[in-house]
N, C-alpha and C. Protein backbone atom coordinates (compact mmCIF):
# COMPACT_ATOMS: atom_id res chain seq x y z
N MET A 1 345.86 18.58 76.24
CA MET A 1 345.13 17.99 75.99
C MET A 1 346.20 16.68 74.77
N LYS A 2 344.83 15.02 75.19
CA LYS A 2 345.95 14.09 74.01
C LYS A 2 345.36 14.17 72.68
N VAL A 3 346.13 14.01 71.91
CA VAL A 3 346.13 13.84 70.51
C VAL A 3 346.63 12.69 70.07
N MET A 4 346.07 11.87 69.54
CA MET A 4 346.46 11.06 68.30
C MET A 4 346.56 10.95 66.94
N LEU A 5 347.22 11.07 66.17
CA LEU A 5 347.67 11.35 65.07
C LEU A 5 347.62 10.05 64.21
N ILE A 6 346.59 9.71 62.86
CA ILE A 6 346.82 8.58 62.87
C ILE A 6 346.30 9.29 61.12
N ASP A 7 347.49 8.06 60.76
CA ASP A 7 348.34 8.41 59.33
C ASP A 7 349.60 7.87 58.88
N ASP A 8 349.28 6.92 57.45
CA ASP A 8 349.95 6.24 57.17
C ASP A 8 351.57 6.56 56.24
N SER A 9 351.07 8.35 56.78
CA SER A 9 352.66 8.46 56.37
C SER A 9 353.53 9.65 57.73
N LYS A 10 354.47 8.89 57.72
CA LYS A 10 355.33 9.23 59.07
C LYS A 10 355.69 10.87 58.64
N THR A 11 356.08 11.16 57.68
CA THR A 11 356.13 12.52 57.31
C THR A 11 354.89 13.79 57.04
N MET A 12 353.71 12.70 57.51
CA MET A 12 352.82 13.53 57.89
C MET A 12 352.77 13.80 59.13
N ARG A 13 352.54 12.54 59.57
CA ARG A 13 352.89 12.75 61.29
C ARG A 13 353.87 13.41 61.84
N ASN A 14 355.02 13.39 61.50
CA ASN A 14 356.04 14.36 61.99
C ASN A 14 355.37 15.79 61.78
N ILE A 15 354.91 15.94 60.63
CA ILE A 15 354.90 17.54 60.78
C ILE A 15 353.43 17.70 61.27
N GLN A 16 352.26 17.29 60.88
CA GLN A 16 351.44 17.71 62.82
C GLN A 16 352.20 17.70 64.03
N ARG A 17 353.07 16.86 64.07
CA ARG A 17 353.39 16.74 65.11
C ARG A 17 353.99 17.66 66.43
N ASN A 18 354.99 18.24 65.25
CA ASN A 18 355.65 19.67 65.18
C ASN A 18 354.72 20.80 65.04
N ILE A 19 353.62 20.50 64.24
CA ILE A 19 352.20 21.99 64.51
C ILE A 19 351.91 22.03 65.94
N LEU A 20 351.57 20.60 66.51
CA LEU A 20 350.80 20.43 67.62
C LEU A 20 351.89 20.67 68.75
N ALA A 21 352.86 20.16 69.46
CA ALA A 21 353.87 21.05 69.90
C ALA A 21 354.05 22.37 69.86
N GLN A 22 354.51 22.87 68.70
CA GLN A 22 354.41 24.37 68.81
C GLN A 22 353.37 25.03 69.33
N ALA A 23 352.18 24.60 69.26
CA ALA A 23 351.23 25.11 69.91
C ALA A 23 350.61 24.72 71.42
N GLY A 24 352.18 23.71 71.90
CA GLY A 24 352.04 23.87 73.39
C GLY A 24 351.30 22.22 73.97
N HIS A 25 351.18 21.25 72.80
CA HIS A 25 350.55 19.92 73.18
C HIS A 25 351.99 18.77 73.05
N THR A 26 351.42 18.63 74.52
CA THR A 26 352.48 17.39 74.94
C THR A 26 352.35 16.16 74.95
N GLU A 27 351.03 15.77 75.13
CA GLU A 27 350.35 14.51 75.11
C GLU A 27 350.56 13.94 73.28
N ILE A 28 350.92 13.25 72.82
CA ILE A 28 350.57 12.89 71.35
C ILE A 28 351.17 11.66 70.87
N GLU A 29 350.24 11.04 70.73
CA GLU A 29 350.61 9.43 70.01
C GLU A 29 349.97 9.12 68.81
N GLU A 30 351.13 8.58 68.22
CA GLU A 30 350.87 8.69 66.77
C GLU A 30 350.34 6.89 66.36
N ALA A 31 349.30 6.78 65.26
CA ALA A 31 349.18 4.88 64.90
C ALA A 31 349.48 5.33 63.31
N CYS A 32 349.76 4.56 62.76
CA CYS A 32 350.12 3.89 61.62
C CYS A 32 348.82 4.12 60.20
N ASP A 33 348.01 3.22 60.79
CA ASP A 33 346.25 2.77 60.66
C ASP A 33 345.14 2.64 61.23
N GLY A 34 344.22 2.54 60.70
CA GLY A 34 343.35 2.34 61.99
C GLY A 34 343.72 0.95 62.74
N GLN A 35 344.12 -0.15 62.44
CA GLN A 35 344.49 -0.70 63.33
C GLN A 35 345.69 -0.45 64.25
N ASP A 36 346.42 -0.51 63.89
CA ASP A 36 347.54 0.39 64.39
C ASP A 36 346.55 1.66 65.54
N ALA A 37 345.58 2.22 65.77
CA ALA A 37 344.96 3.12 66.34
C ALA A 37 344.32 2.44 67.12
N LEU A 38 343.61 1.83 66.88
CA LEU A 38 342.56 0.13 67.80
C LEU A 38 343.12 0.24 68.93
N SER A 39 344.30 -0.44 68.54
CA SER A 39 345.45 -1.26 69.58
C SER A 39 346.10 -0.20 70.99
N LYS A 40 346.13 0.96 70.20
CA LYS A 40 346.71 2.13 71.43
C LYS A 40 345.27 3.20 71.70
N VAL A 41 344.23 3.00 71.59
CA VAL A 41 343.03 3.46 71.95
C VAL A 41 342.70 3.84 73.23
N ALA A 42 342.42 2.51 73.83
CA ALA A 42 341.93 2.29 75.01
C ALA A 42 343.21 2.96 76.27
N ALA A 43 344.44 2.31 75.64
CA ALA A 43 345.45 2.61 76.45
C ALA A 43 345.90 4.31 77.06
N PHE A 44 345.64 4.73 75.67
CA PHE A 44 346.08 6.66 75.88
C PHE A 44 344.88 7.50 75.79
N ALA A 45 343.68 6.88 75.16
CA ALA A 45 342.37 7.59 75.74
C ALA A 45 342.78 9.19 75.10
N PRO A 46 342.44 8.85 74.08
CA PRO A 46 342.71 10.67 73.22
C PRO A 46 341.74 11.50 73.66
N GLU A 47 342.00 12.55 73.52
CA GLU A 47 340.49 13.24 73.36
C GLU A 47 339.72 13.94 71.76
N LEU A 48 341.47 13.91 70.95
CA LEU A 48 341.28 13.70 69.96
C LEU A 48 341.91 13.29 68.78
N LEU A 49 341.61 13.02 67.63
CA LEU A 49 341.80 12.61 66.88
C LEU A 49 341.85 12.67 65.24
N LEU A 50 343.11 12.90 64.72
CA LEU A 50 343.42 13.22 63.81
C LEU A 50 343.43 12.30 62.65
N THR A 51 343.01 12.40 61.75
CA THR A 51 343.16 11.54 60.74
C THR A 51 342.55 11.87 59.52
N ARG A 52 342.96 11.30 57.66
CA ARG A 52 342.34 11.61 57.00
C ARG A 52 341.55 11.14 56.47
N ILE A 53 340.25 11.73 56.34
CA ILE A 53 338.79 10.84 56.01
C ILE A 53 339.08 10.01 54.45
N GLN A 54 339.50 10.92 53.38
CA GLN A 54 339.90 10.19 51.92
C GLN A 54 340.90 8.80 52.76
N GLU A 55 341.43 9.06 53.35
CA GLU A 55 342.43 7.46 53.51
C GLU A 55 341.32 6.46 54.30
N THR A 56 340.87 7.06 54.66
CA THR A 56 339.71 5.97 55.91
C THR A 56 338.71 5.40 54.82
N LEU A 57 338.20 6.22 53.94
CA LEU A 57 337.19 5.81 52.87
C LEU A 57 337.59 4.71 52.11
N ALA A 58 338.66 4.99 51.05
CA ALA A 58 339.46 4.38 50.33
C ALA A 58 339.63 3.06 50.74
N ARG A 59 340.05 2.91 52.01
CA ARG A 59 340.67 1.86 52.70
C ARG A 59 339.23 0.77 52.92
N ALA A 60 337.56 1.79 53.02
CA ALA A 60 337.29 0.61 53.67
C ALA A 60 336.19 -0.06 52.45
N LYS A 61 336.42 1.06 51.00
CA LYS A 61 335.91 0.36 50.43
C LYS A 61 336.31 -0.98 49.31
N ALA A 62 338.12 -0.99 49.91
CA ALA A 62 338.83 -1.35 49.13
C ALA A 62 338.66 -2.96 50.09
N ALA A 63 338.20 -3.21 51.15
CA ALA A 63 337.64 -4.33 52.10
C ALA A 63 336.48 -5.38 51.59
């Protein structure tokens, strides 16, 4: 399964990547924010996106 991790924290992305790798997932892409994810999503075509809703909503309110 292709998984994309979207989080501004490299530490959190590393933790998530390690957990997914231990579960057998090998196709993992990372993005540091929504813009980065949008630039990668078409080429990578993930089946699952993991992000923090709180972060997404907070940034949307600030815009």
